[in-house]
Amino acid sequence: MNYQQTLLPSGITVITDQMPSVKSVALGLWFSVGTRDEAHDEAGMSHFMEHMMFKGTPTRSPLDISMHFDRLGAELNAFTSKEYTCYYSRFASDKLRDALSVLADMVINSEFDNEAITLEREVVQEELVRSIDAPDDFVFELFSQNIIKGHALSHPILGTKESIASFSHEACVSYLQKHYSTGNLTVAAAGDIDHDALVDLVTTLFDAMPQKPHQPRDLVKPQSFSGLFVETRDIEQAHIVYGFPWLELGDPRRFASGILTTALGGSMSSRLFQEVREKRGLAYTIYATQGTYQGAGQWCVYAGTRPSNIADVVDIIKRELSQFAEEPLSQDELQRNVELISGQLLLSSETTTSHMSRIGKRECLGAEQLSIDEAIERYRSVTPADIQTLAQSYFNQDPTIAIVSSRSVDELHTLLD
């Protein structure tokens, strides 16, 4: 990774990764604001603000914004997470000023027109309903809301029907003033990019953004809750999430964690895929995944199966996790999964967007910047003992289990007790 970084006097951080072999640029505006920064009555506001940034400024209508990027032959999009919001575009490298000038206008000068807010509330309500109606999505919300119940990280990114309905022009302006300032902004770019030229552009184009220092989060350690959490629905398949609290962002054991997760449920050769799907045909989809945040983390297994198979699938998950903690990986299994991770890292690094996302997210969260080669070297330094110790530290806890299925709470307690 050949990145350069500049902290401007305004507080904006500019970070670039030059890729001389391409003729395009991926650029993102990363704001340090997400779901965990919302007050109770602001639930979903970070995501709603992401939508509203596309709805017009004093000099550009929503259609003007869309057509501008179409004329550039560029991509334009955005996303919201628990800890950050990103507005990004990919364009030919000679279109840098044209693209960045509009992105800056959007995040500094959006009008939050009342009519646009009324329409967008309906759009986001539809997005929320779609998410709730998808049981394979909702089961993760059920898991997250209960494993760290009451903590800001447990709140759904989309908010609630009640909170979305309350969003107003005044609420949007207040949220903008609170979170959209220079100290909370990282401008990340990768591709055919001149770092100094980008610094000059950012200095000029963002001079009207309120200048405030970075707002560090109060990283209250979440309390974890185990147990069985159930949503009963008239559906054909059962959706299971089985997990534990996990490593926080930046934990030095994260490389052992990556191998553990991959070996258990990260590929078709992983232990859970082989035991649950290939050997017993109990599920079409089963995988392990992890989420790391500032001061907290979660690890879980997802499986989709028939309601009659719930107990069998949960028993296999328990058994495989217990075995993982009791017996270290063989060198062959360790090496195979390290090579899988290394290959995926290399394949994912071939686009400007992936490079921009990597450096932007890390800088926004204050995480260590590592090149692909440096990361691969860290994975290759992990030993079977490192992985077993990690498994023993976490898999001996009582799990949090979330299930969305046609089975009742009482039925599931009887099945799984």
Protein backbone atom coordinates (compact mmCIF):
# COMPACT_ATOMS: atom_id res chain seq x y z
CA MET A 1 0.00 0.00 0.00
CA ASN A 2 1.48 3.30 -1.16
CA TYR A 3 -0.63 5.72 0.83
CA GLN A 4 -0.10 9.35 1.82
CA GLN A 5 -1.89 11.18 4.59
CA THR A 6 -2.38 14.84 5.46
CA LEU A 7 -4.22 16.41 8.38
CA LEU A 8 -5.47 19.80 7.23
CA PRO A 9 -5.56 22.82 9.57
CA SER A 10 -9.36 22.59 9.37
CA GLY A 11 -9.27 19.11 10.93
CA ILE A 12 -10.11 17.15 7.76
CA THR A 13 -7.93 14.12 7.12
CA VAL A 14 -6.99 13.36 3.51
CA ILE A 15 -5.60 9.92 2.74
CA THR A 16 -4.76 8.53 -0.69
CA ASP A 17 -3.50 5.28 -2.17
CA GLN A 18 -1.87 5.70 -5.58
CA MET A 19 -2.46 2.95 -8.13
CA PRO A 20 -0.47 3.97 -11.23
CA SER A 21 -1.81 1.14 -13.38
CA VAL A 22 -5.39 2.52 -13.49
CA LYS A 23 -7.02 5.61 -15.01
CA SER A 24 -9.85 5.99 -12.53
CA VAL A 25 -10.36 7.17 -8.96
CA ALA A 26 -12.59 5.94 -6.16
CA LEU A 27 -13.22 8.68 -3.61
CA GLY A 28 -15.17 8.57 -0.37
CA LEU A 29 -16.24 11.10 2.22
CA TRP A 30 -16.16 9.19 5.52
CA PHE A 31 -17.96 10.82 8.44
CA SER A 32 -17.47 9.49 11.96
CA VAL A 33 -21.16 9.22 12.68
CA GLY A 34 -23.36 6.14 12.75
CA THR A 35 -26.07 4.37 14.65
CA ARG A 36 -24.16 4.31 17.92
CA ASP A 37 -24.01 8.13 17.97
CA GLU A 38 -27.79 8.59 17.94
CA ALA A 39 -29.90 9.59 20.92
CA HIS A 40 -32.97 7.46 21.60
CA ASP A 41 -35.29 9.81 19.71
CA GLU A 42 -32.81 9.98 16.81
CA ALA A 43 -32.87 6.26 16.01
CA GLY A 44 -32.14 5.86 12.30
CA MET A 45 -31.16 9.51 11.78
CA SER A 46 -27.65 8.72 10.48
CA HIS A 47 -29.16 6.56 7.74
CA PHE A 48 -31.92 9.10 7.03
CA MET A 49 -29.31 11.85 6.64
CA GLU A 50 -27.50 9.68 4.12
CA HIS A 51 -30.68 9.60 2.04
CA MET A 52 -31.36 13.33 2.40
CA MET A 53 -27.91 14.35 1.15
CA PHE A 54 -29.06 13.35 -2.35
CA LYS A 55 -32.23 15.48 -2.21
CA GLY A 56 -30.94 18.84 -3.34
CA THR A 57 -28.98 21.97 -2.44
CA PRO A 58 -29.72 25.67 -3.19
CA THR A 59 -27.98 25.31 -6.57
CA ARG A 60 -28.75 21.70 -7.51
CA SER A 61 -31.95 19.67 -7.56
CA PRO A 62 -31.87 15.91 -6.89
CA LEU A 63 -32.09 15.37 -10.66
CA ASP A 64 -29.23 17.81 -11.26
CA ILE A 65 -27.04 15.78 -8.89
CA SER A 66 -27.88 12.49 -10.61
CA MET A 67 -27.44 13.90 -14.11
CA HIS A 68 -24.12 15.51 -13.18
CA PHE A 69 -22.60 12.16 -12.26
CA ASP A 70 -24.20 10.53 -15.31
CA ARG A 71 -22.48 13.10 -17.54
CA LEU A 72 -19.20 12.26 -15.85
CA GLY A 73 -19.76 8.57 -16.53
CA ALA A 74 -19.38 8.12 -12.79
CA GLU A 75 -20.85 5.99 -10.02
CA LEU A 76 -22.42 7.66 -6.98
CA ASN A 77 -23.67 5.99 -3.82
CA ALA A 78 -23.57 5.99 -0.02
CA PHE A 79 -24.00 3.70 2.98
CA THR A 80 -24.44 3.92 6.73
CA SER A 81 -23.04 1.61 9.39
CA LYS A 82 -23.06 1.45 13.17
CA GLU A 83 -19.99 3.73 13.32
CA TYR A 84 -19.65 5.73 10.11
CA THR A 85 -21.42 7.12 7.05
CA CYS A 86 -19.73 7.15 3.65
CA TYR A 87 -20.58 9.03 0.43
CA TYR A 88 -18.55 7.77 -2.48
CA SER A 89 -18.04 8.00 -6.20
CA ARG A 90 -15.88 6.32 -8.84
CA PHE A 91 -14.92 8.27 -11.93
CA ALA A 92 -12.24 8.84 -14.58
CA SER A 93 -9.25 10.55 -12.98
CA ASP A 94 -9.64 13.76 -15.02
CA LYS A 95 -13.09 14.28 -13.48
CA LEU A 96 -11.83 14.72 -9.90
CA ARG A 97 -12.80 18.38 -9.45
CA ASP A 98 -16.20 17.90 -11.12
CA ALA A 99 -17.06 14.97 -8.89
CA LEU A 100 -15.70 16.30 -5.61
CA SER A 101 -17.30 19.72 -6.00
CA VAL A 102 -20.77 18.16 -6.09
CA LEU A 103 -20.05 15.75 -3.24
CA ALA A 104 -18.90 18.72 -1.15
CA ASP A 105 -22.04 20.68 -2.05
CA MET A 106 -24.22 17.73 -1.03
CA VAL A 107 -22.75 17.27 2.46
CA ILE A 108 -22.36 20.98 3.24
CA ASN A 109 -25.38 22.63 1.62
CA SER A 110 -28.23 20.11 1.53
CA GLU A 111 -31.52 21.96 2.10
CA PHE A 112 -33.58 19.25 3.84
CA ASP A 113 -36.71 20.47 2.11
CA ASN A 114 -39.87 19.57 4.04
CA GLU A 115 -41.56 18.05 1.00
CA ALA A 116 -38.48 15.92 0.27
CA ILE A 117 -38.35 14.82 3.93
CA THR A 118 -42.00 13.76 3.81
CA LEU A 119 -41.38 11.65 0.70
CA GLU A 120 -38.15 10.17 1.99
CA ARG A 121 -39.71 9.16 5.29
CA GLU A 122 -42.03 6.95 3.24
CA VAL A 123 -39.11 5.51 1.26
CA VAL A 124 -37.18 4.63 4.43
CA GLN A 125 -40.33 3.19 6.04
CA GLU A 126 -40.60 0.87 3.02
CA GLU A 127 -36.93 -0.06 3.42
CA LEU A 128 -37.53 -0.83 7.09
CA VAL A 129 -40.59 -2.98 6.35
CA ARG A 130 -38.66 -4.90 3.71
CA SER A 131 -35.86 -5.57 6.20
CA ILE A 132 -38.30 -6.72 8.89
CA ASP A 133 -40.11 -8.94 6.40
CA ALA A 134 -36.87 -10.70 5.44
CA PRO A 135 -36.37 -13.23 8.27
CA ASP A 136 -32.74 -13.95 7.29
CA ASP A 137 -32.02 -10.24 7.85
CA PHE A 138 -34.27 -9.75 10.84
CA VAL A 139 -32.70 -12.63 12.80
CA PHE A 140 -29.41 -10.70 12.90
CA GLU A 141 -31.23 -7.66 14.26
CA LEU A 142 -32.87 -9.89 16.87
CA PHE A 143 -29.44 -11.22 17.83
CA SER A 144 -27.76 -7.82 17.92
CA GLN A 145 -30.57 -6.14 19.85
CA ASN A 146 -30.38 -8.76 22.61
CA ILE A 147 -26.72 -9.71 22.98
CA ILE A 148 -25.88 -6.12 24.03
CA LYS A 149 -29.39 -4.99 24.95
CA GLY A 150 -29.63 -1.28 25.71
CA HIS A 151 -26.26 -0.34 24.21
CA ALA A 152 -26.18 2.07 21.24
CA LEU A 153 -24.57 -0.61 19.07
CA SER A 154 -27.69 -2.74 19.47
CA HIS A 155 -29.91 -0.21 17.73
CA PRO A 156 -31.05 -0.94 14.16
CA ILE A 157 -29.40 1.18 11.49
CA LEU A 158 -32.74 1.97 9.85
CA GLY A 159 -34.36 3.12 13.09
CA THR A 160 -37.98 2.41 14.02
CA LYS A 161 -41.32 3.27 12.43
CA GLU A 162 -41.95 5.79 15.21
CA SER A 163 -38.55 7.49 15.03
CA ILE A 164 -38.58 7.74 11.22
CA ALA A 165 -42.03 9.31 11.31
CA SER A 166 -40.72 12.05 13.62
CA PHE A 167 -37.85 13.24 11.40
CA SER A 168 -38.18 16.89 10.40
CA HIS A 169 -36.24 19.72 8.76
CA GLU A 170 -35.20 20.98 12.19
CA ALA A 171 -34.01 17.52 13.26
CA CYS A 172 -31.92 17.11 10.12
CA VAL A 173 -30.31 20.56 10.48
CA SER A 174 -29.53 19.86 14.13
CA TYR A 175 -27.94 16.51 13.29
CA LEU A 176 -25.88 18.09 10.50
CA GLN A 177 -24.57 20.79 12.82
CA LYS A 178 -23.69 18.25 15.48
CA HIS A 179 -21.88 15.65 13.37
CA TYR A 180 -20.99 16.97 9.91
CA SER A 181 -17.92 19.02 10.72
CA THR A 182 -14.30 19.01 9.57
CA GLY A 183 -12.90 17.04 12.50
CA ASN A 184 -15.30 14.18 11.78
CA LEU A 185 -14.41 13.92 8.07
CA THR A 186 -11.90 11.71 6.31
CA VAL A 187 -11.52 12.11 2.55
CA ALA A 188 -10.12 8.88 1.12
CA ALA A 189 -9.17 8.26 -2.51
CA ALA A 190 -7.48 5.45 -4.42
CA GLY A 191 -6.40 5.09 -8.03
CA ASP A 192 -4.84 7.57 -10.43
CA ILE A 193 -4.75 10.31 -7.82
CA ASP A 194 -2.29 13.11 -7.03
CA HIS A 195 -2.27 13.52 -3.25
CA ASP A 196 -1.22 17.17 -3.19
CA ALA A 197 -3.80 18.10 -5.82
CA LEU A 198 -6.53 16.43 -3.75
CA VAL A 199 -5.38 18.25 -0.61
CA ASP A 200 -5.64 21.57 -2.45
CA LEU A 201 -9.13 20.73 -3.73
CA VAL A 202 -10.39 19.63 -0.31
CA THR A 203 -8.98 22.79 1.27
CA THR A 204 -10.90 24.92 -1.24
CA LEU A 205 -14.14 22.97 -1.65
CA PHE A 206 -14.74 22.29 2.07
CA ASP A 207 -13.88 25.76 3.38
CA ALA A 208 -17.56 26.36 4.20
CA MET A 209 -17.90 23.24 6.36
CA PRO A 210 -18.13 24.03 10.09
CA GLN A 211 -14.70 23.67 11.66
CA LYS A 212 -14.78 21.63 14.84
CA PRO A 213 -12.31 19.17 16.37
CA HIS A 214 -12.88 15.44 16.09
CA GLN A 215 -15.56 14.26 18.50
CA PRO A 216 -14.27 11.14 20.27
CA ARG A 217 -16.90 8.63 21.31
CA ASP A 218 -17.66 7.66 24.87
CA LEU A 219 -16.80 3.97 24.44
CA VAL A 220 -19.00 2.50 27.15
CA LYS A 221 -18.32 -1.23 27.34
CA PRO A 222 -21.57 -3.04 26.51
CA GLN A 223 -23.02 -5.54 28.93
CA SER A 224 -23.55 -8.91 27.26
CA PHE A 225 -26.68 -11.04 27.62
CA SER A 226 -26.97 -14.73 26.83
CA GLY A 227 -30.15 -16.70 26.31
CA LEU A 228 -32.71 -17.68 23.70
CA PHE A 229 -34.57 -14.93 21.83
CA VAL A 230 -37.42 -15.93 19.56
CA GLU A 231 -39.67 -14.41 16.91
CA THR A 232 -42.49 -16.71 15.83
CA ARG A 233 -43.71 -16.30 12.24
CA ASP A 234 -45.70 -18.29 9.73
CA ILE A 235 -42.71 -19.19 7.53
CA GLU A 236 -41.33 -22.41 6.08
CA GLN A 237 -37.70 -22.06 7.14
CA ALA A 238 -36.07 -21.48 10.51
CA HIS A 239 -33.33 -18.85 10.74
CA ILE A 240 -30.78 -19.29 13.51
CA VAL A 241 -28.01 -17.02 14.78
CA TYR A 242 -25.82 -18.51 17.52
CA GLY A 243 -23.06 -16.36 18.96
CA PHE A 244 -21.02 -14.60 21.60
CA PRO A 245 -19.50 -11.21 22.44
CA TRP A 246 -16.14 -10.96 20.69
CA LEU A 247 -12.94 -9.00 20.09
CA GLU A 248 -13.10 -5.25 19.69
CA LEU A 249 -11.61 -3.29 16.80
CA GLY A 250 -7.82 -3.36 16.78
CA ASP A 251 -7.38 -6.35 19.11
CA PRO A 252 -4.03 -7.98 18.25
CA ARG A 253 -5.79 -11.37 18.21
CA ARG A 254 -7.86 -10.32 15.19
CA PHE A 255 -5.70 -12.34 12.81
CA ALA A 256 -6.23 -15.52 14.82
CA SER A 257 -9.92 -14.61 14.89
CA GLY A 258 -10.03 -14.34 11.11
CA ILE A 259 -8.57 -17.82 10.70
CA LEU A 260 -10.87 -19.27 13.37
CA THR A 261 -13.93 -17.80 11.66
CA THR A 262 -12.85 -18.99 8.22
CA ALA A 263 -12.01 -22.51 9.41
CA LEU A 264 -15.34 -22.88 11.18
CA GLY A 265 -17.67 -21.36 8.62
CA GLY A 266 -15.97 -19.32 5.92
CA SER A 267 -15.88 -21.65 2.94
CA MET A 268 -17.29 -24.86 1.45
CA SER A 269 -14.49 -26.80 3.13
CA SER A 270 -15.14 -25.27 6.55
CA ARG A 271 -16.12 -27.53 9.43
CA LEU A 272 -19.68 -26.29 9.84
CA PHE A 273 -20.45 -26.34 6.12
CA GLN A 274 -19.17 -29.88 5.85
CA GLU A 275 -20.95 -31.20 8.96
CA VAL A 276 -24.29 -29.44 8.56
CA ARG A 277 -24.76 -29.28 4.80
CA GLU A 278 -22.52 -31.80 3.07
CA LYS A 279 -22.71 -34.71 5.52
CA ARG A 280 -26.27 -34.28 6.84
CA GLY A 281 -28.12 -32.08 4.37
CA LEU A 282 -29.63 -30.03 7.20
CA ALA A 283 -29.14 -26.58 5.65
CA TYR A 284 -28.50 -24.88 2.36
CA THR A 285 -26.78 -21.90 4.02
CA ILE A 286 -24.52 -21.94 7.06
CA TYR A 287 -21.60 -19.66 7.79
CA ALA A 288 -19.68 -17.92 10.56
CA THR A 289 -19.14 -14.17 10.68
CA GLN A 290 -17.77 -11.53 13.01
CA GLY A 291 -18.27 -7.81 13.59
CA THR A 292 -15.70 -5.63 15.31
CA TYR A 293 -16.41 -2.15 16.63
CA GLN A 294 -14.69 0.43 18.77
CA GLY A 295 -14.80 -1.12 22.24
CA ALA A 296 -16.95 -4.12 21.34
CA GLY A 297 -17.41 -7.06 19.01
CA GLN A 298 -19.72 -9.95 18.09
CA TRP A 299 -19.15 -13.39 16.59
CA CYS A 300 -21.87 -15.71 15.35
CA VAL A 301 -22.96 -18.60 13.17
CA TYR A 302 -25.97 -18.26 10.87
CA ALA A 303 -27.95 -21.27 9.61
CA GLY A 304 -31.16 -21.58 7.65
CA THR A 305 -32.94 -24.91 8.12
CA ARG A 306 -36.37 -26.52 8.42
CA PRO A 307 -38.07 -26.01 11.81
CA SER A 308 -37.85 -29.76 12.49
CA ASN A 309 -34.04 -29.58 12.23
CA ILE A 310 -33.42 -26.72 14.67
CA ALA A 311 -32.25 -28.89 17.57
CA ASP A 312 -29.94 -30.96 15.36
CA VAL A 313 -28.31 -27.90 13.80
CA VAL A 314 -27.79 -26.19 17.16
CA ASP A 315 -26.30 -29.39 18.61
CA ILE A 316 -23.81 -29.62 15.74
CA ILE A 317 -22.81 -25.96 16.17
CA LYS A 318 -22.24 -26.54 19.89
CA ARG A 319 -20.22 -29.67 19.22
CA GLU A 320 -18.04 -28.12 16.55
CA LEU A 321 -17.27 -25.05 18.65
CA SER A 322 -16.46 -27.24 21.66
CA GLN A 323 -14.14 -29.41 19.57
CA PHE A 324 -12.44 -26.32 18.20
CA ALA A 325 -11.62 -25.21 21.74
CA GLU A 326 -10.47 -28.68 22.83
CA GLU A 327 -8.22 -29.62 19.90
CA PRO A 328 -5.83 -27.32 18.03
CA LEU A 329 -5.99 -27.04 14.25
CA SER A 330 -3.60 -29.22 12.33
CA GLN A 331 -0.88 -27.44 10.40
CA ASP A 332 -2.57 -28.49 7.17
CA GLU A 333 -5.93 -26.97 8.15
CA LEU A 334 -4.23 -23.84 9.41
CA GLN A 335 -2.20 -23.43 6.22
CA ARG A 336 -5.21 -24.04 3.99
CA ASN A 337 -7.25 -21.33 5.69
CA VAL A 338 -4.37 -18.84 5.76
CA GLU A 339 -3.95 -19.31 2.02
CA LEU A 340 -7.70 -18.86 1.51
CA ILE A 341 -7.68 -15.59 3.45
CA SER A 342 -4.55 -14.40 1.66
CA GLY A 343 -6.05 -15.14 -1.73
CA GLN A 344 -9.28 -13.34 -0.86
CA LEU A 345 -7.33 -10.30 0.34
CA LEU A 346 -5.36 -10.17 -2.89
CA LEU A 347 -8.45 -10.62 -5.07
CA SER A 348 -10.36 -7.94 -3.16
CA SER A 349 -7.49 -5.47 -3.58
CA GLU A 350 -7.67 -5.28 -7.35
CA THR A 351 -10.20 -2.42 -7.56
CA THR A 352 -9.91 1.25 -6.68
CA THR A 353 -13.08 1.00 -4.61
CA SER A 354 -11.68 -1.74 -2.39
CA HIS A 355 -8.47 0.23 -1.78
CA MET A 356 -10.40 3.40 -0.98
CA SER A 357 -12.77 1.55 1.35
CA ARG A 358 -9.90 -0.13 3.17
CA ILE A 359 -7.97 3.05 3.95
CA GLY A 360 -11.06 5.20 4.50
CA LYS A 361 -12.73 2.91 6.99
CA ARG A 362 -9.52 2.34 8.94
CA GLU A 363 -8.68 6.03 9.11
CA CYS A 364 -12.22 6.96 10.10
CA LEU A 365 -12.15 4.45 12.96
CA GLY A 366 -8.57 5.13 14.04
CA ALA A 367 -7.46 1.61 13.13
CA GLU A 368 -3.98 0.53 12.09
CA GLN A 369 -3.22 1.00 8.40
CA LEU A 370 -1.69 -2.20 7.02
CA SER A 371 -0.79 -3.10 3.46
CA ILE A 372 -2.14 -6.35 2.03
CA ASP A 373 1.32 -7.89 2.31
CA GLU A 374 1.62 -6.80 5.95
CA ALA A 375 -1.79 -8.26 6.76
CA ILE A 376 -0.93 -11.56 5.08
CA GLU A 377 2.29 -11.73 7.08
CA ARG A 378 0.29 -11.28 10.30
CA TYR A 379 -2.03 -14.13 9.33
CA ARG A 380 0.95 -16.36 8.54
CA SER A 381 2.43 -15.72 11.97
CA VAL A 382 -0.64 -17.17 13.77
CA THR A 383 -0.14 -20.58 15.41
CA PRO A 384 -2.65 -23.35 16.21
CA ALA A 385 -2.16 -22.51 19.89
CA ASP A 386 -3.17 -18.88 19.26
CA ILE A 387 -6.45 -19.99 17.70
CA GLN A 388 -7.21 -22.60 20.34
CA THR A 389 -6.57 -20.10 23.15
CA LEU A 390 -8.96 -17.65 21.51
CA ALA A 391 -11.64 -20.32 21.14
CA GLN A 392 -11.23 -21.35 24.77
CA SER A 393 -11.58 -17.71 25.88
CA TYR A 394 -14.93 -17.17 24.16
CA PHE A 395 -16.63 -20.46 23.30
CA ASN A 396 -16.93 -21.47 26.95
CA GLN A 397 -19.49 -18.69 27.53
CA ASP A 398 -23.24 -19.20 27.47
CA PRO A 399 -24.36 -18.36 23.93
CA THR A 400 -26.87 -15.85 22.69
CA ILE A 401 -29.29 -17.61 20.31
CA ALA A 402 -31.77 -15.80 18.08
CA ILE A 403 -34.33 -17.80 16.09
CA VAL A 404 -37.02 -16.70 13.67
CA SER A 405 -39.28 -19.63 12.78
CA SER A 406 -42.75 -21.10 13.05
CA ARG A 407 -41.90 -22.72 16.39
CA SER A 408 -43.14 -21.07 19.59
CA VAL A 409 -40.94 -19.82 22.41
CA ASP A 410 -42.04 -22.70 24.65
CA GLU A 411 -41.38 -25.28 21.95
CA LEU A 412 -37.88 -23.96 21.34
CA HIS A 413 -37.02 -23.80 25.04
CA THR A 414 -38.08 -27.45 25.33
CA LEU A 415 -36.07 -28.42 22.24
CA LEU A 416 -32.87 -26.63 23.21
CA ASP A 417 -32.77 -26.97 27.01
